[in-house]
Amino acid sequence: MDDLLVISNIILWCTVAALGVLVYALTRQVGALFERVAPAGALMVNQVLKVGDTAPEVSVDDLNGTRHRLGGLPEHEKSTLLFFLAPDCPICKSLLPVLRSVSKSENWVDIVLASDGGELADHAAYVAKHDLSQFPYVLSEMLGKSYGVGKLPYAVLIDEQGLIASLGLINSREHLESLFEAKELNVTSIQDYMQKFAHEDYYDASFMTRHRETDQ
């Protein structure tokens, strides 16, 4: 009986040891996968502007008739996010809750919505339907051309000095947040940051754990 008890204890401890090794191996694999699957940043497709350029200064009225000076040196030392969208753009619509969340959580940046086509009434109805009255909403074909916008949705982040901090096509919440991360890390884009550290044993992945709650 004693021999059976000893044997069962040995088997039990061997099993525990094997499970410990297995958990350790899985942890290593998860960590390796975490590093390989890098966050996708906004795609920088722009033939007019690049990061570090002075943001073109354009004055335009919003739907309420209020005049806005976009670009140039900001009046209140805050960053400005220009988000280019269209009422008939389904991806733009899916990102509206993210914009509302950013507006609440990031007091260092002002958000301006911009579009350039269609009837004024259609844009006004879009604002009312999706509760966008908290954002300035401007219609200007010249604004889009000045900032090299070709496809939607597109966003340009202008820093406190009136310079282009980051820009690119925005197809997801992750893309939008990558603009903020690029500014914080002082890099052209998240892709450039990842390439810079591609051959390092590790890199600062703080941007991968950044979290902003999105209103549903």
N, C-alpha and C. Protein backbone atom coordinates (compact mmCIF):
# COMPACT_ATOMS: atom_id res chain seq x y z
N MET A 1 0.84 -1.21 0.00
CA MET A 1 0.00 0.00 0.00
C MET A 1 0.86 1.25 0.00
N ASP A 2 1.94 1.19 0.83
CA ASP A 2 2.85 2.33 0.88
C ASP A 2 3.54 2.54 -0.46
N ASP A 3 3.91 1.42 -1.10
CA ASP A 3 4.57 1.53 -2.40
C ASP A 3 3.64 2.17 -3.43
N LEU A 4 2.36 1.82 -3.37
CA LEU A 4 1.38 2.39 -4.30
C LEU A 4 1.22 3.88 -4.08
N LEU A 5 1.24 4.29 -2.82
CA LEU A 5 1.13 5.71 -2.49
C LEU A 5 2.35 6.48 -2.99
N VAL A 6 3.52 5.90 -2.82
CA VAL A 6 4.74 6.55 -3.29
C VAL A 6 4.72 6.70 -4.81
N ILE A 7 4.32 5.62 -5.48
CA ILE A 7 4.27 5.65 -6.95
C ILE A 7 3.28 6.71 -7.45
N SER A 8 2.11 6.77 -6.79
CA SER A 8 1.09 7.75 -7.20
C SER A 8 1.57 9.18 -6.98
N ASN A 9 2.32 9.40 -5.88
CA ASN A 9 2.87 10.74 -5.64
C ASN A 9 3.91 11.12 -6.68
N ILE A 10 4.74 10.13 -7.05
CA ILE A 10 5.75 10.39 -8.08
C ILE A 10 5.09 10.76 -9.40
N ILE A 11 4.04 9.98 -9.76
CA ILE A 11 3.32 10.27 -11.01
C ILE A 11 2.67 11.65 -10.95
N LEU A 12 2.11 11.98 -9.79
CA LEU A 12 1.45 13.28 -9.63
C LEU A 12 2.45 14.43 -9.81
N TRP A 13 3.62 14.31 -9.15
CA TRP A 13 4.61 15.37 -9.27
C TRP A 13 5.19 15.46 -10.69
N CYS A 14 5.34 14.34 -11.34
CA CYS A 14 5.79 14.36 -12.75
C CYS A 14 4.78 15.07 -13.63
N THR A 15 3.50 14.78 -13.35
CA THR A 15 2.44 15.45 -14.12
C THR A 15 2.45 16.96 -13.89
N VAL A 16 2.61 17.36 -12.62
CA VAL A 16 2.66 18.79 -12.29
C VAL A 16 3.86 19.45 -12.98
N ALA A 17 5.01 18.76 -12.94
CA ALA A 17 6.20 19.30 -13.58
C ALA A 17 6.00 19.45 -15.09
N ALA A 18 5.38 18.44 -15.69
CA ALA A 18 5.13 18.48 -17.14
C ALA A 18 4.19 19.63 -17.49
N LEU A 19 3.16 19.81 -16.67
CA LEU A 19 2.23 20.92 -16.90
C LEU A 19 2.92 22.27 -16.74
N GLY A 20 3.83 22.37 -15.77
CA GLY A 20 4.58 23.61 -15.58
C GLY A 20 5.42 23.94 -16.79
N VAL A 21 6.10 22.92 -17.33
CA VAL A 21 6.91 23.12 -18.54
C VAL A 21 6.02 23.53 -19.71
N LEU A 22 4.86 22.89 -19.82
CA LEU A 22 3.94 23.19 -20.92
C LEU A 22 3.43 24.63 -20.83
N VAL A 23 3.06 25.06 -19.62
CA VAL A 23 2.58 26.44 -19.43
C VAL A 23 3.67 27.44 -19.76
N TYR A 24 4.90 27.14 -19.35
CA TYR A 24 6.03 28.02 -19.65
C TYR A 24 6.24 28.13 -21.15
N ALA A 25 6.17 26.99 -21.85
CA ALA A 25 6.36 26.99 -23.30
C ALA A 25 5.26 27.79 -23.99
N LEU A 26 4.02 27.61 -23.53
CA LEU A 26 2.91 28.35 -24.12
C LEU A 26 3.05 29.84 -23.87
N THR A 27 3.53 30.21 -22.67
CA THR A 27 3.74 31.62 -22.36
C THR A 27 4.77 32.24 -23.31
N ARG A 28 5.84 31.50 -23.58
CA ARG A 28 6.86 31.99 -24.50
C ARG A 28 6.29 32.16 -25.90
N GLN A 29 5.45 31.21 -26.32
CA GLN A 29 4.87 31.29 -27.65
C GLN A 29 3.91 32.47 -27.78
N VAL A 30 3.11 32.71 -26.74
CA VAL A 30 2.19 33.84 -26.75
C VAL A 30 2.97 35.15 -26.81
N GLY A 31 4.07 35.22 -26.05
CA GLY A 31 4.89 36.43 -26.08
C GLY A 31 5.49 36.66 -27.44
N ALA A 32 5.98 35.60 -28.09
CA ALA A 32 6.55 35.73 -29.43
C ALA A 32 5.50 36.16 -30.43
N LEU A 33 4.30 35.58 -30.31
CA LEU A 33 3.21 35.95 -31.21
C LEU A 33 2.81 37.40 -31.01
N PHE A 34 2.80 37.84 -29.77
CA PHE A 34 2.43 39.21 -29.43
C PHE A 34 3.38 40.20 -30.11
N GLU A 35 4.67 39.85 -30.18
CA GLU A 35 5.64 40.74 -30.80
C GLU A 35 5.56 40.70 -32.31
N ARG A 36 5.24 39.51 -32.86
CA ARG A 36 5.20 39.39 -34.31
C ARG A 36 3.98 40.07 -34.91
N VAL A 37 2.85 39.95 -34.21
CA VAL A 37 1.62 40.56 -34.72
C VAL A 37 1.60 42.02 -34.27
N ALA A 38 2.25 42.86 -35.03
CA ALA A 38 2.36 44.27 -34.68
C ALA A 38 1.06 45.00 -34.97
N PRO A 39 0.75 46.05 -34.22
CA PRO A 39 -0.46 46.81 -34.46
C PRO A 39 -0.41 47.50 -35.81
N ALA A 40 -1.51 47.48 -36.53
CA ALA A 40 -1.55 48.10 -37.84
C ALA A 40 -1.81 49.59 -37.70
N GLY A 41 -0.90 50.38 -38.19
CA GLY A 41 -1.07 51.82 -38.13
C GLY A 41 -1.83 52.33 -39.34
N ALA A 42 -2.22 53.59 -39.29
CA ALA A 42 -2.92 54.21 -40.40
C ALA A 42 -2.01 54.22 -41.63
N LEU A 43 -2.58 53.91 -42.79
CA LEU A 43 -1.82 53.88 -44.03
C LEU A 43 -1.59 55.30 -44.53
N MET A 44 -0.30 55.66 -44.64
CA MET A 44 0.04 57.02 -45.04
C MET A 44 0.08 57.13 -46.56
N VAL A 45 -1.03 57.49 -47.15
CA VAL A 45 -1.13 57.69 -48.59
C VAL A 45 -1.40 59.17 -48.83
N ASN A 46 -0.33 59.90 -49.14
CA ASN A 46 -0.49 61.35 -49.32
C ASN A 46 0.65 61.87 -50.19
N GLN A 47 0.28 62.51 -51.30
CA GLN A 47 1.27 63.06 -52.22
C GLN A 47 1.49 64.55 -52.00
N VAL A 48 0.78 65.12 -51.03
CA VAL A 48 0.84 66.57 -50.81
C VAL A 48 1.61 66.91 -49.54
N LEU A 49 1.32 66.18 -48.47
CA LEU A 49 1.92 66.48 -47.17
C LEU A 49 2.68 65.30 -46.61
N LYS A 50 3.60 65.59 -45.71
CA LYS A 50 4.29 64.56 -44.96
C LYS A 50 4.43 65.02 -43.52
N VAL A 51 4.69 64.08 -42.63
CA VAL A 51 4.85 64.41 -41.22
C VAL A 51 5.98 65.41 -41.04
N GLY A 52 5.71 66.44 -40.25
CA GLY A 52 6.70 67.50 -40.01
C GLY A 52 6.45 68.75 -40.82
N ASP A 53 5.61 68.64 -41.87
CA ASP A 53 5.26 69.83 -42.65
C ASP A 53 4.37 70.76 -41.85
N THR A 54 4.41 72.04 -42.21
CA THR A 54 3.47 72.99 -41.62
C THR A 54 2.08 72.73 -42.20
N ALA A 55 1.10 72.60 -41.34
CA ALA A 55 -0.27 72.34 -41.80
C ALA A 55 -0.78 73.52 -42.61
N PRO A 56 -1.29 73.28 -43.82
CA PRO A 56 -1.84 74.37 -44.63
C PRO A 56 -2.95 75.11 -43.88
N GLU A 57 -2.92 76.41 -43.94
CA GLU A 57 -3.93 77.22 -43.25
C GLU A 57 -5.11 77.48 -44.18
N VAL A 58 -6.27 77.04 -43.75
CA VAL A 58 -7.50 77.21 -44.52
C VAL A 58 -8.59 77.71 -43.60
N SER A 59 -9.28 78.76 -44.00
CA SER A 59 -10.41 79.29 -43.22
C SER A 59 -11.71 78.85 -43.88
N VAL A 60 -12.60 78.29 -43.08
CA VAL A 60 -13.84 77.76 -43.63
C VAL A 60 -14.93 77.83 -42.58
N ASP A 61 -16.19 77.98 -43.03
CA ASP A 61 -17.34 78.02 -42.13
C ASP A 61 -17.85 76.61 -41.88
N ASP A 62 -18.34 76.37 -40.66
CA ASP A 62 -18.99 75.08 -40.39
C ASP A 62 -20.47 75.18 -40.75
N LEU A 63 -21.22 74.14 -40.50
CA LEU A 63 -22.63 74.11 -40.88
C LEU A 63 -23.46 75.15 -40.14
N ASN A 64 -22.96 75.62 -39.01
CA ASN A 64 -23.67 76.64 -38.23
C ASN A 64 -23.25 78.06 -38.61
N GLY A 65 -22.34 78.18 -39.55
CA GLY A 65 -21.90 79.49 -39.98
C GLY A 65 -20.74 80.05 -39.18
N THR A 66 -20.18 79.26 -38.28
CA THR A 66 -19.04 79.71 -37.48
C THR A 66 -17.75 79.54 -38.28
N ARG A 67 -16.93 80.57 -38.27
CA ARG A 67 -15.68 80.55 -39.03
C ARG A 67 -14.59 79.82 -38.26
N HIS A 68 -13.86 78.94 -38.94
CA HIS A 68 -12.77 78.19 -38.33
C HIS A 68 -11.50 78.37 -39.16
N ARG A 69 -10.41 78.63 -38.47
CA ARG A 69 -9.10 78.69 -39.14
C ARG A 69 -8.39 77.38 -38.84
N LEU A 70 -8.27 76.56 -39.85
CA LEU A 70 -7.65 75.24 -39.70
C LEU A 70 -6.24 75.28 -40.26
N GLY A 71 -5.30 74.71 -39.52
CA GLY A 71 -3.91 74.78 -39.92
C GLY A 71 -3.26 76.03 -39.36
N GLY A 72 -1.99 76.20 -39.63
CA GLY A 72 -1.28 77.34 -39.07
C GLY A 72 -1.07 77.14 -37.57
N LEU A 73 -0.63 78.16 -36.90
CA LEU A 73 -0.36 78.06 -35.46
C LEU A 73 -1.68 78.09 -34.69
N PRO A 74 -1.96 77.04 -33.90
CA PRO A 74 -3.22 76.98 -33.15
C PRO A 74 -3.35 78.15 -32.17
N GLU A 75 -4.58 78.58 -31.95
CA GLU A 75 -4.83 79.70 -31.05
C GLU A 75 -4.77 79.29 -29.59
N HIS A 76 -5.08 78.04 -29.28
CA HIS A 76 -5.20 77.62 -27.87
C HIS A 76 -4.18 76.55 -27.49
N GLU A 77 -3.10 76.41 -28.23
CA GLU A 77 -2.03 75.46 -27.92
C GLU A 77 -2.57 74.04 -27.72
N LYS A 78 -3.50 73.66 -28.57
CA LYS A 78 -4.02 72.30 -28.55
C LYS A 78 -3.83 71.69 -29.93
N SER A 79 -3.77 70.37 -29.96
CA SER A 79 -3.70 69.67 -31.24
C SER A 79 -5.09 69.66 -31.88
N THR A 80 -5.12 69.46 -33.18
CA THR A 80 -6.38 69.38 -33.91
C THR A 80 -6.38 68.12 -34.77
N LEU A 81 -7.46 67.36 -34.66
CA LEU A 81 -7.63 66.19 -35.50
C LEU A 81 -8.67 66.51 -36.58
N LEU A 82 -8.22 66.57 -37.82
CA LEU A 82 -9.14 66.75 -38.94
C LEU A 82 -9.56 65.37 -39.41
N PHE A 83 -10.85 65.09 -39.32
CA PHE A 83 -11.35 63.78 -39.73
C PHE A 83 -12.25 63.98 -40.95
N PHE A 84 -11.78 63.48 -42.09
CA PHE A 84 -12.51 63.64 -43.35
C PHE A 84 -13.43 62.44 -43.56
N LEU A 85 -14.69 62.74 -43.80
CA LEU A 85 -15.71 61.70 -43.91
C LEU A 85 -16.76 62.09 -44.93
N ALA A 86 -17.72 61.20 -45.14
CA ALA A 86 -18.83 61.47 -46.03
C ALA A 86 -20.05 60.72 -45.51
N PRO A 87 -21.25 61.28 -45.68
CA PRO A 87 -22.46 60.63 -45.17
C PRO A 87 -22.70 59.25 -45.75
N ASP A 88 -22.22 59.00 -46.98
CA ASP A 88 -22.46 57.70 -47.61
C ASP A 88 -21.30 56.72 -47.40
N CYS A 89 -20.41 57.03 -46.46
CA CYS A 89 -19.25 56.18 -46.18
C CYS A 89 -19.55 55.30 -44.97
N PRO A 90 -19.74 53.98 -45.15
CA PRO A 90 -20.09 53.10 -44.02
C PRO A 90 -18.98 52.99 -42.98
N ILE A 91 -17.72 53.01 -43.41
CA ILE A 91 -16.62 52.93 -42.45
C ILE A 91 -16.57 54.19 -41.59
N CYS A 92 -16.83 55.33 -42.23
CA CYS A 92 -16.88 56.59 -41.48
C CYS A 92 -17.91 56.49 -40.37
N LYS A 93 -19.06 55.96 -40.70
CA LYS A 93 -20.14 55.82 -39.72
C LYS A 93 -19.72 54.94 -38.55
N SER A 94 -19.01 53.86 -38.84
CA SER A 94 -18.60 52.93 -37.79
C SER A 94 -17.59 53.55 -36.83
N LEU A 95 -16.90 54.61 -37.26
CA LEU A 95 -15.89 55.25 -36.42
C LEU A 95 -16.42 56.42 -35.61
N LEU A 96 -17.66 56.80 -35.82
CA LEU A 96 -18.22 57.94 -35.09
C LEU A 96 -18.22 57.72 -33.57
N PRO A 97 -18.57 56.51 -33.07
CA PRO A 97 -18.49 56.30 -31.62
C PRO A 97 -17.07 56.47 -31.08
N VAL A 98 -16.08 56.10 -31.87
CA VAL A 98 -14.69 56.26 -31.45
C VAL A 98 -14.35 57.74 -31.33
N LEU A 99 -14.81 58.54 -32.27
CA LEU A 99 -14.55 59.98 -32.22
C LEU A 99 -15.20 60.61 -30.99
N ARG A 100 -16.42 60.18 -30.67
CA ARG A 100 -17.07 60.70 -29.47
C ARG A 100 -16.31 60.31 -28.22
N SER A 101 -15.79 59.08 -28.20
CA SER A 101 -15.02 58.63 -27.05
C SER A 101 -13.73 59.42 -26.91
N VAL A 102 -13.05 59.65 -28.01
CA VAL A 102 -11.80 60.43 -27.99
C VAL A 102 -12.07 61.85 -27.52
N SER A 103 -13.17 62.41 -27.96
CA SER A 103 -13.51 63.77 -27.56
C SER A 103 -13.67 63.89 -26.05
N LYS A 104 -14.19 62.83 -25.42
CA LYS A 104 -14.40 62.85 -23.98
C LYS A 104 -13.11 62.60 -23.20
N SER A 105 -12.26 61.71 -23.73
CA SER A 105 -11.10 61.26 -22.96
C SER A 105 -9.81 62.02 -23.26
N GLU A 106 -9.72 62.64 -24.42
CA GLU A 106 -8.48 63.31 -24.82
C GLU A 106 -8.71 64.82 -24.90
N ASN A 107 -8.47 65.52 -23.79
CA ASN A 107 -8.74 66.96 -23.77
C ASN A 107 -7.63 67.78 -24.40
N TRP A 108 -6.60 67.13 -24.91
CA TRP A 108 -5.50 67.85 -25.55
C TRP A 108 -5.71 68.03 -27.05
N VAL A 109 -6.79 67.47 -27.57
CA VAL A 109 -7.01 67.53 -29.01
C VAL A 109 -8.45 67.97 -29.31
N ASP A 110 -8.59 68.86 -30.28
CA ASP A 110 -9.90 69.26 -30.80
C ASP A 110 -10.18 68.47 -32.07
N ILE A 111 -11.41 68.02 -32.25
CA ILE A 111 -11.79 67.24 -33.43
C ILE A 111 -12.66 68.09 -34.34
N VAL A 112 -12.30 68.12 -35.60
CA VAL A 112 -13.09 68.82 -36.62
C VAL A 112 -13.45 67.83 -37.71
N LEU A 113 -14.72 67.70 -38.01
CA LEU A 113 -15.18 66.83 -39.09
C LEU A 113 -15.23 67.63 -40.38
N ALA A 114 -14.80 66.99 -41.46
CA ALA A 114 -14.73 67.70 -42.74
C ALA A 114 -15.25 66.82 -43.87
N SER A 115 -15.96 67.44 -44.79
CA SER A 115 -16.44 66.75 -45.98
C SER A 115 -16.44 67.76 -47.13
N ASP A 116 -16.73 67.28 -48.32
CA ASP A 116 -16.62 68.23 -49.44
C ASP A 116 -17.62 68.00 -50.57
N GLY A 117 -18.66 67.36 -50.39
CA GLY A 117 -19.58 67.15 -51.49
C GLY A 117 -21.00 66.93 -51.02
N GLY A 118 -21.93 66.88 -51.97
CA GLY A 118 -23.31 66.63 -51.62
C GLY A 118 -24.05 67.88 -51.20
N GLU A 119 -25.31 67.69 -50.89
CA GLU A 119 -26.17 68.79 -50.49
C GLU A 119 -25.97 69.15 -49.02
N LEU A 120 -26.06 70.43 -48.74
CA LEU A 120 -25.92 70.90 -47.36
C LEU A 120 -26.93 70.23 -46.45
N ALA A 121 -28.15 70.06 -46.95
CA ALA A 121 -29.21 69.43 -46.15
C ALA A 121 -28.87 68.00 -45.77
N ASP A 122 -28.19 67.29 -46.68
CA ASP A 122 -27.80 65.90 -46.40
C ASP A 122 -26.79 65.85 -45.25
N HIS A 123 -25.86 66.78 -45.24
CA HIS A 123 -24.85 66.80 -44.18
C HIS A 123 -25.49 67.21 -42.85
N ALA A 124 -26.41 68.16 -42.91
CA ALA A 124 -27.10 68.58 -41.69
C ALA A 124 -27.91 67.42 -41.11
N ALA A 125 -28.55 66.65 -41.97
CA ALA A 125 -29.32 65.49 -41.52
C ALA A 125 -28.40 64.42 -40.93
N TYR A 126 -27.23 64.28 -41.51
CA TYR A 126 -26.24 63.31 -41.02
C TYR A 126 -25.77 63.68 -39.62
N VAL A 127 -25.52 64.95 -39.41
CA VAL A 127 -25.10 65.44 -38.09
C VAL A 127 -26.19 65.19 -37.06
N ALA A 128 -27.43 65.48 -37.43
CA ALA A 128 -28.54 65.30 -36.50
C ALA A 128 -28.78 63.82 -36.20
N LYS A 129 -28.72 62.98 -37.22
CA LYS A 129 -29.00 61.55 -37.05
C LYS A 129 -27.99 60.88 -36.14
N HIS A 130 -26.72 61.28 -36.26
CA HIS A 130 -25.66 60.60 -35.51
C HIS A 130 -25.15 61.42 -34.32
N ASP A 131 -25.87 62.46 -33.98
CA ASP A 131 -25.55 63.25 -32.79
C ASP A 131 -24.11 63.76 -32.83
N LEU A 132 -23.80 64.52 -33.87
CA LEU A 132 -22.44 65.04 -34.05
C LEU A 132 -22.35 66.53 -33.80
N SER A 133 -23.34 67.09 -33.14
CA SER A 133 -23.38 68.54 -32.96
C SER A 133 -22.23 69.05 -32.09
N GLN A 134 -21.58 68.17 -31.34
CA GLN A 134 -20.46 68.60 -30.50
C GLN A 134 -19.21 68.92 -31.30
N PHE A 135 -19.17 68.46 -32.57
CA PHE A 135 -18.01 68.69 -33.41
C PHE A 135 -18.29 69.77 -34.46
N PRO A 136 -17.33 70.64 -34.73
CA PRO A 136 -17.46 71.51 -35.91
C PRO A 136 -17.49 70.62 -37.16
N TYR A 137 -18.41 70.89 -38.07
CA TYR A 137 -18.55 70.10 -39.29
C TYR A 137 -18.45 71.06 -40.45
N VAL A 138 -17.38 70.93 -41.23
CA VAL A 138 -17.13 71.89 -42.30
C VAL A 138 -17.24 71.21 -43.66
N LEU A 139 -17.66 71.99 -44.64
CA LEU A 139 -17.72 71.53 -46.02
C LEU A 139 -16.76 72.37 -46.85
N SER A 140 -15.74 71.74 -47.40
CA SER A 140 -14.75 72.50 -48.16
C SER A 140 -13.96 71.57 -49.06
N GLU A 141 -14.14 71.73 -50.36
CA GLU A 141 -13.34 70.96 -51.31
C GLU A 141 -11.88 71.39 -51.25
N MET A 142 -11.65 72.68 -51.03
CA MET A 142 -10.29 73.18 -50.97
C MET A 142 -9.54 72.60 -49.78
N LEU A 143 -10.22 72.38 -48.66
CA LEU A 143 -9.58 71.82 -47.48
C LEU A 143 -9.05 70.42 -47.77
N GLY A 144 -9.88 69.60 -48.40
CA GLY A 144 -9.46 68.25 -48.74
C GLY A 144 -8.28 68.24 -49.70
N LYS A 145 -8.30 69.12 -50.68
CA LYS A 145 -7.20 69.19 -51.64
C LYS A 145 -5.92 69.68 -50.96
N SER A 146 -6.06 70.67 -50.08
CA SER A 146 -4.89 71.22 -49.40
C SER A 146 -4.19 70.18 -48.55
N TYR A 147 -4.97 69.22 -48.02
CA TYR A 147 -4.40 68.19 -47.16
C TYR A 147 -4.20 66.86 -47.88
N GLY A 148 -4.34 66.87 -49.19
CA GLY A 148 -4.03 65.68 -49.98
C GLY A 148 -4.93 64.50 -49.73
N VAL A 149 -6.19 64.74 -49.42
CA VAL A 149 -7.13 63.66 -49.13
C VAL A 149 -7.66 63.08 -50.42
N GLY A 150 -7.44 61.76 -50.60
CA GLY A 150 -7.92 61.10 -51.80
C GLY A 150 -8.99 60.07 -51.52
N LYS A 151 -8.86 59.36 -50.39
CA LYS A 151 -9.83 58.33 -50.02
C LYS A 151 -10.32 58.58 -48.60
N LEU A 152 -11.50 58.04 -48.31
CA LEU A 152 -12.11 58.21 -46.99
C LEU A 152 -12.29 56.86 -46.31
N PRO A 153 -12.34 56.89 -44.97
CA PRO A 153 -12.09 58.05 -44.08
C PRO A 153 -10.60 58.34 -43.94
N TYR A 154 -10.28 59.60 -43.76
CA TYR A 154 -8.89 60.04 -43.67
C TYR A 154 -8.78 61.01 -42.50
N ALA A 155 -7.64 60.98 -41.83
CA ALA A 155 -7.45 61.85 -40.68
C ALA A 155 -6.06 62.47 -40.71
N VAL A 156 -6.00 63.71 -40.24
CA VAL A 156 -4.73 64.43 -40.13
C VAL A 156 -4.66 65.01 -38.72
N LEU A 157 -3.58 64.70 -38.02
CA LEU A 157 -3.37 65.22 -36.67
C LEU A 157 -2.37 66.36 -36.74
N ILE A 158 -2.81 67.55 -36.35
CA ILE A 158 -1.96 68.75 -36.33
C ILE A 158 -1.57 69.02 -34.89
N ASP A 159 -0.27 69.16 -34.64
CA ASP A 159 0.18 69.33 -33.25
C ASP A 159 0.04 70.76 -32.77
N GLU A 160 0.51 71.01 -31.55
CA GLU A 160 0.36 72.32 -30.90
C GLU A 160 1.16 73.42 -31.58
N GLN A 161 2.11 73.03 -32.43
CA GLN A 161 2.93 74.01 -33.13
C GLN A 161 2.45 74.25 -34.56
N GLY A 162 1.33 73.63 -34.91
CA GLY A 162 0.80 73.80 -36.25
C GLY A 162 1.48 72.93 -37.29
N LEU A 163 2.15 71.86 -36.85
CA LEU A 163 2.83 70.95 -37.76
C LEU A 163 2.06 69.64 -37.89
N ILE A 164 2.23 68.97 -39.03
CA ILE A 164 1.59 67.68 -39.23
C ILE A 164 2.28 66.65 -38.34
N ALA A 165 1.55 66.12 -37.36
CA ALA A 165 2.11 65.13 -36.44
C ALA A 165 1.97 63.72 -36.98
N SER A 166 0.86 63.44 -37.65
CA SER A 166 0.61 62.12 -38.23
C SER A 166 -0.61 62.24 -39.14
N LEU A 167 -0.75 61.29 -40.03
CA LEU A 167 -1.87 61.32 -40.97
C LEU A 167 -2.01 59.97 -41.64
N GLY A 168 -3.18 59.71 -42.20
CA GLY A 168 -3.35 58.45 -42.92
C GLY A 168 -4.80 58.04 -43.06
N LEU A 169 -5.00 56.97 -43.83
CA LEU A 169 -6.32 56.38 -43.99
C LEU A 169 -6.72 55.70 -42.68
N ILE A 170 -7.97 55.86 -42.29
CA ILE A 170 -8.46 55.34 -41.02
C ILE A 170 -9.60 54.37 -41.29
N ASN A 171 -9.32 53.08 -41.08
CA ASN A 171 -10.36 52.07 -41.29
C ASN A 171 -10.80 51.39 -40.00
N SER A 172 -10.19 51.76 -38.90
CA SER A 172 -10.53 51.11 -37.63
C SER A 172 -10.12 52.02 -36.48
N ARG A 173 -10.60 51.66 -35.30
CA ARG A 173 -10.20 52.37 -34.09
C ARG A 173 -8.68 52.30 -33.89
N GLU A 174 -8.10 51.14 -34.20
CA GLU A 174 -6.66 50.97 -34.06
C GLU A 174 -5.90 51.95 -34.94
N HIS A 175 -6.38 52.16 -36.16
CA HIS A 175 -5.73 53.11 -37.06
C HIS A 175 -5.77 54.53 -36.49
N LEU A 176 -6.92 54.90 -35.95
CA LEU A 176 -7.06 56.24 -35.40
C LEU A 176 -6.12 56.44 -34.22
N GLU A 177 -6.07 55.45 -33.33
CA GLU A 177 -5.22 55.57 -32.16
C GLU A 177 -3.74 55.56 -32.54
N SER A 178 -3.41 54.94 -33.68
CA SER A 178 -2.01 54.92 -34.11
C SER A 178 -1.51 56.33 -34.43
N LEU A 179 -2.40 57.22 -34.82
CA LEU A 179 -2.00 58.61 -35.08
C LEU A 179 -1.56 59.27 -33.78
N PHE A 180 -2.29 59.02 -32.71
CA PHE A 180 -1.93 59.59 -31.41
C PHE A 180 -0.62 58.98 -30.90
N GLU A 181 -0.48 57.67 -31.11
CA GLU A 181 0.73 57.01 -30.63
C GLU A 181 1.95 57.50 -31.39
N ALA A 182 1.81 57.71 -32.69
CA ALA A 182 2.93 58.20 -33.49
C ALA A 182 3.37 59.57 -32.99
N LYS A 183 2.40 60.41 -32.62
CA LYS A 183 2.74 61.72 -32.08
C LYS A 183 3.46 61.59 -30.75
N GLU A 184 2.96 60.74 -29.86
CA GLU A 184 3.56 60.57 -28.54
C GLU A 184 4.97 60.00 -28.63
N LEU A 185 5.18 59.08 -29.59
CA LEU A 185 6.48 58.46 -29.75
C LEU A 185 7.43 59.29 -30.62
N ASN A 186 6.89 60.37 -31.19
CA ASN A 186 7.68 61.26 -32.05
C ASN A 186 8.28 60.50 -33.23
N VAL A 187 7.42 59.72 -33.90
CA VAL A 187 7.84 58.98 -35.08
C VAL A 187 6.88 59.32 -36.22
N THR A 188 7.33 59.00 -37.44
CA THR A 188 6.50 59.29 -38.61
C THR A 188 5.22 58.47 -38.60
N SER A 189 5.37 57.19 -38.24
CA SER A 189 4.22 56.29 -38.19
C SER A 189 4.56 55.12 -37.29
N ILE A 190 3.53 54.36 -36.89
CA ILE A 190 3.76 53.17 -36.09
C ILE A 190 4.56 52.15 -36.87
N GLN A 191 4.34 52.07 -38.20
CA GLN A 191 5.11 51.15 -39.02
C GLN A 191 6.60 51.46 -38.95
N ASP A 192 6.95 52.74 -38.99
CA ASP A 192 8.35 53.13 -38.89
C ASP A 192 8.92 52.76 -37.53
N TYR A 193 8.11 52.94 -36.49
CA TYR A 193 8.55 52.60 -35.15
C TYR A 193 8.84 51.10 -35.04
N MET A 194 7.94 50.28 -35.59
CA MET A 194 8.12 48.84 -35.54
C MET A 194 9.35 48.42 -36.34
N GLN A 195 9.56 49.04 -37.50
CA GLN A 195 10.72 48.70 -38.32
C GLN A 195 12.03 49.06 -37.61
N LYS A 196 12.01 50.17 -36.89
CA LYS A 196 13.19 50.61 -36.17
C LYS A 196 13.63 49.59 -35.14
N PHE A 197 12.67 48.94 -34.49
CA PHE A 197 12.96 47.99 -33.43
C PHE A 197 12.83 46.54 -33.89
N ALA A 198 12.76 46.33 -35.20
CA ALA A 198 12.52 44.98 -35.71
C ALA A 198 13.62 44.01 -35.34
N HIS A 199 14.85 44.50 -35.19
CA HIS A 199 15.97 43.61 -34.91
C HIS A 199 16.40 43.66 -33.44
N GLU A 200 15.61 44.31 -32.62
CA GLU A 200 15.92 44.35 -31.20
C GLU A 200 15.29 43.15 -30.49
N ASP A 201 15.80 42.80 -29.33
CA ASP A 201 15.24 41.68 -28.57
C ASP A 201 13.86 42.01 -28.03
N TYR A 202 13.64 43.31 -27.79
CA TYR A 202 12.33 43.73 -27.30
C TYR A 202 12.15 45.18 -27.67
N TYR A 203 10.93 45.67 -27.54
CA TYR A 203 10.65 47.06 -27.81
C TYR A 203 9.58 47.54 -26.86
N ASP A 204 9.48 48.85 -26.78
CA ASP A 204 8.46 49.43 -25.90
C ASP A 204 7.11 49.25 -26.54
N ALA A 205 6.30 48.36 -25.98
CA ALA A 205 4.99 48.07 -26.56
C ALA A 205 3.88 48.75 -25.78
N SER A 206 4.19 49.88 -25.17
CA SER A 206 3.18 50.57 -24.38
C SER A 206 1.99 50.98 -25.22
N PHE A 207 2.26 51.30 -26.51
CA PHE A 207 1.17 51.71 -27.37
C PHE A 207 0.22 50.56 -27.67
N MET A 208 0.69 49.32 -27.49
CA MET A 208 -0.16 48.17 -27.78
C MET A 208 -1.17 47.93 -26.67
N THR A 209 -0.89 48.49 -25.52
CA THR A 209 -1.81 48.31 -24.40
C THR A 209 -2.65 49.53 -24.13
N ARG A 210 -2.52 50.55 -24.99
CA ARG A 210 -3.31 51.75 -24.81
C ARG A 210 -4.79 51.38 -24.98
N HIS A 211 -5.61 51.94 -24.12
CA HIS A 211 -7.03 51.56 -24.16
C HIS A 211 -7.89 52.79 -24.01
N ARG A 212 -8.84 52.89 -24.92
CA ARG A 212 -9.84 53.93 -24.79
C ARG A 212 -11.19 53.27 -24.93
N GLU A 213 -12.09 53.54 -23.98
CA GLU A 213 -13.41 52.95 -24.03
C GLU A 213 -14.21 53.64 -25.12
N THR A 214 -14.89 52.83 -25.92
CA THR A 214 -15.71 53.34 -27.02
C THR A 214 -17.18 53.26 -26.68
N ASP A 215 -17.88 54.37 -26.84
CA ASP A 215 -19.32 54.37 -26.59
C ASP A 215 -20.01 53.51 -27.63
N GLN A 216 -20.95 52.75 -27.22
CA GLN A 216 -21.71 51.91 -28.12
C GLN A 216 -22.92 52.69 -28.64
